[in-house]
Amino acid sequence: MDTFGVPLKVFPRQEEGGSYNAKGEWIKNLKEDAAVLEVSEPFVPSSLMSQLPVQSLYRSGGRIEDYEMTWFSAQVVPLKSIVEHNGLEYSVEDSIPYTDYSNVTQYGCKAVSTFAKK
């Protein structure tokens, strides 16, 4: 994984913490409040991974999901965590753990930002 790694910032989803806003709605902690993991791991466009299970298709009114990026990681992070790469943010939407025989988990990531942050 080191050979194909690229620099990533990972903001694990906060399980607890937050505050009520003026409307009385619970707002979870923001990404900025999370501990940041800086890793160098493979993060590739899903279009290059057509042979791997990076999309789930359920037809006849079911669910169709595809992901912009596939992340192979030694980290275990909860779904809805944020991964930042080249100024763009992606939400971790799916995981396939291969931890029975390796230290790798494959994550499907959807873009949550369309423009790079400066």
C-alpha atoms as a PDB file:
ATOM      1  CA  MET A   1       0.000   0.000   0.000  1.00  0.00           C
ATOM      2  CA  ASP A   2       2.923   2.344   0.609  1.00  0.00           C
ATOM      3  CA  THR A   3       3.968   2.222  -3.048  1.00  0.00           C
ATOM      4  CA  PHE A   4       0.613   3.487  -4.323  1.00  0.00           C
ATOM      5  CA  GLY A   5      -0.252   5.772  -1.429  1.00  0.00           C
ATOM      6  CA  VAL A   6      -1.177   9.418  -1.803  1.00  0.00           C
ATOM      7  CA  PRO A   7      -1.440  11.954   1.034  1.00  0.00           C
ATOM      8  CA  LEU A   8      -4.900  11.980   2.615  1.00  0.00           C
ATOM      9  CA  LYS A   9      -6.451  13.754   5.574  1.00  0.00           C
ATOM     10  CA  VAL A  10      -9.119  11.680   7.285  1.00  0.00           C
ATOM     11  CA  PHE A  11     -11.689  13.202   9.623  1.00  0.00           C
ATOM     12  CA  PRO A  12     -13.423  10.303  11.401  1.00  0.00           C
ATOM     13  CA  ARG A  13     -17.128  10.886  11.966  1.00  0.00           C
ATOM     14  CA  GLN A  14     -17.819  12.059  15.469  1.00  0.00           C
ATOM     15  CA  GLU A  15     -20.000   9.569  17.305  1.00  0.00           C
ATOM     16  CA  GLU A  16     -20.782  11.945  20.138  1.00  0.00           C
ATOM     17  CA  GLY A  17     -20.745  15.622  20.818  1.00  0.00           C
ATOM     18  CA  GLY A  18     -22.491  18.639  19.449  1.00  0.00           C
ATOM     19  CA  SER A  19     -24.885  21.338  20.543  1.00  0.00           C
ATOM     20  CA  TYR A  20     -28.394  22.652  19.996  1.00  0.00           C
ATOM     21  CA  ASN A  21     -28.861  25.541  17.570  1.00  0.00           C
ATOM     22  CA  ALA A  22     -31.296  28.463  17.976  1.00  0.00           C
ATOM     23  CA  LYS A  23     -34.126  26.315  16.537  1.00  0.00           C
ATOM     24  CA  GLY A  24     -33.547  23.591  19.101  1.00  0.00           C
ATOM     25  CA  GLU A  25     -32.071  21.180  16.546  1.00  0.00           C
ATOM     26  CA  TRP A  26     -29.127  18.988  17.524  1.00  0.00           C
ATOM     27  CA  ILE A  27     -26.037  19.790  15.430  1.00  0.00           C
ATOM     28  CA  LYS A  28     -23.218  17.245  15.587  1.00  0.00           C
ATOM     29  CA  ASN A  29     -19.613  18.342  15.915  1.00  0.00           C
ATOM     30  CA  LEU A  30     -18.126  19.678  12.706  1.00  0.00           C
ATOM     31  CA  LYS A  31     -15.290  18.120  10.768  1.00  0.00           C
ATOM     32  CA  GLU A  32     -12.941  20.734  12.224  1.00  0.00           C
ATOM     33  CA  ASP A  33     -13.610  19.375  15.715  1.00  0.00           C
ATOM     34  CA  ALA A  34     -12.500  15.862  14.742  1.00  0.00           C
ATOM     35  CA  ALA A  35      -9.058  14.430  15.265  1.00  0.00           C
ATOM     36  CA  VAL A  36      -7.265  14.429  11.918  1.00  0.00           C
ATOM     37  CA  LEU A  37      -5.507  11.317  10.649  1.00  0.00           C
ATOM     38  CA  GLU A  38      -2.852  11.990   8.027  1.00  0.00           C
ATOM     39  CA  VAL A  39      -2.100   8.878   5.983  1.00  0.00           C
ATOM     40  CA  SER A  40      -0.567   7.902   2.661  1.00  0.00           C
ATOM     41  CA  GLU A  41      -2.805   5.197   1.160  1.00  0.00           C
ATOM     42  CA  PRO A  42      -4.244   4.244  -2.258  1.00  0.00           C
ATOM     43  CA  PHE A  43      -7.157   6.511  -3.279  1.00  0.00           C
ATOM     44  CA  VAL A  44      -8.185   5.891  -6.873  1.00  0.00           C
ATOM     45  CA  PRO A  45     -11.110   6.851  -9.116  1.00  0.00           C
ATOM     46  CA  SER A  46     -13.770   4.149  -9.085  1.00  0.00           C
ATOM     47  CA  SER A  47     -13.927   4.192 -12.879  1.00  0.00           C
ATOM     48  CA  LEU A  48     -10.498   2.533 -12.851  1.00  0.00           C
ATOM     49  CA  MET A  49     -11.748  -0.204 -10.539  1.00  0.00           C
ATOM     50  CA  SER A  50     -14.440  -1.741 -12.735  1.00  0.00           C
ATOM     51  CA  GLN A  51     -13.489  -5.279 -11.740  1.00  0.00           C
ATOM     52  CA  LEU A  52     -13.901  -4.701  -8.002  1.00  0.00           C
ATOM     53  CA  PRO A  53     -17.177  -4.396  -6.064  1.00  0.00           C
ATOM     54  CA  VAL A  54     -17.332  -0.623  -5.804  1.00  0.00           C
ATOM     55  CA  GLN A  55     -20.982  -0.249  -6.667  1.00  0.00           C
ATOM     56  CA  SER A  56     -24.143  -1.912  -5.516  1.00  0.00           C
ATOM     57  CA  LEU A  57     -27.016  -2.205  -7.972  1.00  0.00           C
ATOM     58  CA  TYR A  58     -30.549  -3.134  -7.017  1.00  0.00           C
ATOM     59  CA  ARG A  59     -32.895  -2.829  -9.955  1.00  0.00           C
ATOM     60  CA  SER A  60     -36.692  -2.471 -10.199  1.00  0.00           C
ATOM     61  CA  GLY A  61     -37.052   0.567  -7.992  1.00  0.00           C
ATOM     62  CA  GLY A  62     -34.156  -0.389  -5.762  1.00  0.00           C
ATOM     63  CA  ARG A  63     -30.952   1.337  -4.904  1.00  0.00           C
ATOM     64  CA  ILE A  64     -28.131   2.224  -7.290  1.00  0.00           C
ATOM     65  CA  GLU A  65     -24.908   3.525  -5.815  1.00  0.00           C
ATOM     66  CA  ASP A  66     -21.626   4.363  -7.370  1.00  0.00           C
ATOM     67  CA  TYR A  67     -18.657   6.081  -5.885  1.00  0.00           C
ATOM     68  CA  GLU A  68     -16.239   8.627  -7.279  1.00  0.00           C
ATOM     69  CA  MET A  69     -13.260   7.223  -5.390  1.00  0.00           C
ATOM     70  CA  THR A  70     -12.149   3.939  -3.871  1.00  0.00           C
ATOM     71  CA  TRP A  71      -9.888   4.079  -0.830  1.00  0.00           C
ATOM     72  CA  PHE A  72      -7.821   1.107   0.344  1.00  0.00           C
ATOM     73  CA  SER A  73      -6.872   1.658   3.948  1.00  0.00           C
ATOM     74  CA  ALA A  74      -5.322   0.088   7.003  1.00  0.00           C
ATOM     75  CA  GLN A  75      -7.534   2.481   9.018  1.00  0.00           C
ATOM     76  CA  VAL A  76     -10.916   1.487  10.389  1.00  0.00           C
ATOM     77  CA  VAL A  77     -13.203   4.520  10.224  1.00  0.00           C
ATOM     78  CA  PRO A  78     -16.973   4.846  10.604  1.00  0.00           C
ATOM     79  CA  LEU A  79     -19.195   5.490   7.617  1.00  0.00           C
ATOM     80  CA  LYS A  80     -19.808   9.194   6.880  1.00  0.00           C
ATOM     81  CA  SER A  81     -16.221  10.046   7.815  1.00  0.00           C
ATOM     82  CA  ILE A  82     -14.617  12.673   5.571  1.00  0.00           C
ATOM     83  CA  VAL A  83     -11.526  12.057   3.429  1.00  0.00           C
ATOM     84  CA  GLU A  84      -9.740  15.075   1.973  1.00  0.00           C
ATOM     85  CA  HIS A  85      -7.489  14.740  -1.076  1.00  0.00           C
ATOM     86  CA  ASN A  86      -6.111  17.562  -3.248  1.00  0.00           C
ATOM     87  CA  GLY A  87      -8.470  20.053  -1.598  1.00  0.00           C
ATOM     88  CA  LEU A  88     -11.612  17.996  -2.330  1.00  0.00           C
ATOM     89  CA  GLU A  89     -13.719  16.254   0.311  1.00  0.00           C
ATOM     90  CA  TYR A  90     -15.293  12.819   0.036  1.00  0.00           C
ATOM     91  CA  SER A  91     -17.713  11.045   2.353  1.00  0.00           C
ATOM     92  CA  VAL A  92     -17.085   7.393   3.226  1.00  0.00           C
ATOM     93  CA  GLU A  93     -20.322   5.678   2.166  1.00  0.00           C
ATOM     94  CA  ASP A  94     -19.501   1.970   2.029  1.00  0.00           C
ATOM     95  CA  SER A  95     -16.885  -0.430   3.320  1.00  0.00           C
ATOM     96  CA  ILE A  96     -15.740  -3.908   2.447  1.00  0.00           C
ATOM     97  CA  PRO A  97     -13.460  -5.268   5.168  1.00  0.00           C
ATOM     98  CA  TYR A  98     -10.758  -7.662   4.033  1.00  0.00           C
ATOM     99  CA  THR A  99      -9.493  -7.839   7.602  1.00  0.00           C
ATOM    100  CA  ASP A 100     -10.011 -11.598   7.906  1.00  0.00           C
ATOM    101  CA  TYR A 101      -6.829 -12.120   5.890  1.00  0.00           C
ATOM    102  CA  SER A 102      -5.180  -8.682   5.618  1.00  0.00           C
ATOM    103  CA  ASN A 103      -5.091  -5.314   7.324  1.00  0.00           C
ATOM    104  CA  VAL A 104      -6.994  -3.621   4.462  1.00  0.00           C
ATOM    105  CA  THR A 105     -10.520  -2.241   4.212  1.00  0.00           C
ATOM    106  CA  GLN A 106     -11.907  -0.995   0.903  1.00  0.00           C
ATOM    107  CA  TYR A 107     -14.069   2.125   1.177  1.00  0.00           C
ATOM    108  CA  GLY A 108     -16.409   3.635  -1.414  1.00  0.00           C
ATOM    109  CA  CYS A 109     -16.271   7.439  -1.259  1.00  0.00           C
ATOM    110  CA  LYS A 110     -18.678  10.012  -2.701  1.00  0.00           C
ATOM    111  CA  ALA A 111     -17.666  13.576  -3.422  1.00  0.00           C
ATOM    112  CA  VAL A 112     -19.141  16.140  -1.046  1.00  0.00           C
ATOM    113  CA  SER A 113     -17.319  19.143  -2.464  1.00  0.00           C
ATOM    114  CA  THR A 114     -17.059  20.068  -6.127  1.00  0.00           C
ATOM    115  CA  PHE A 115     -14.278  22.631  -5.972  1.00  0.00           C
ATOM    116  CA  ALA A 116     -10.888  22.450  -4.327  1.00  0.00           C
ATOM    117  CA  LYS A 117     -10.469  24.557  -1.210  1.00  0.00           C
ATOM    118  CA  LYS A 118      -7.652  27.064  -1.161  1.00  0.00           C
END
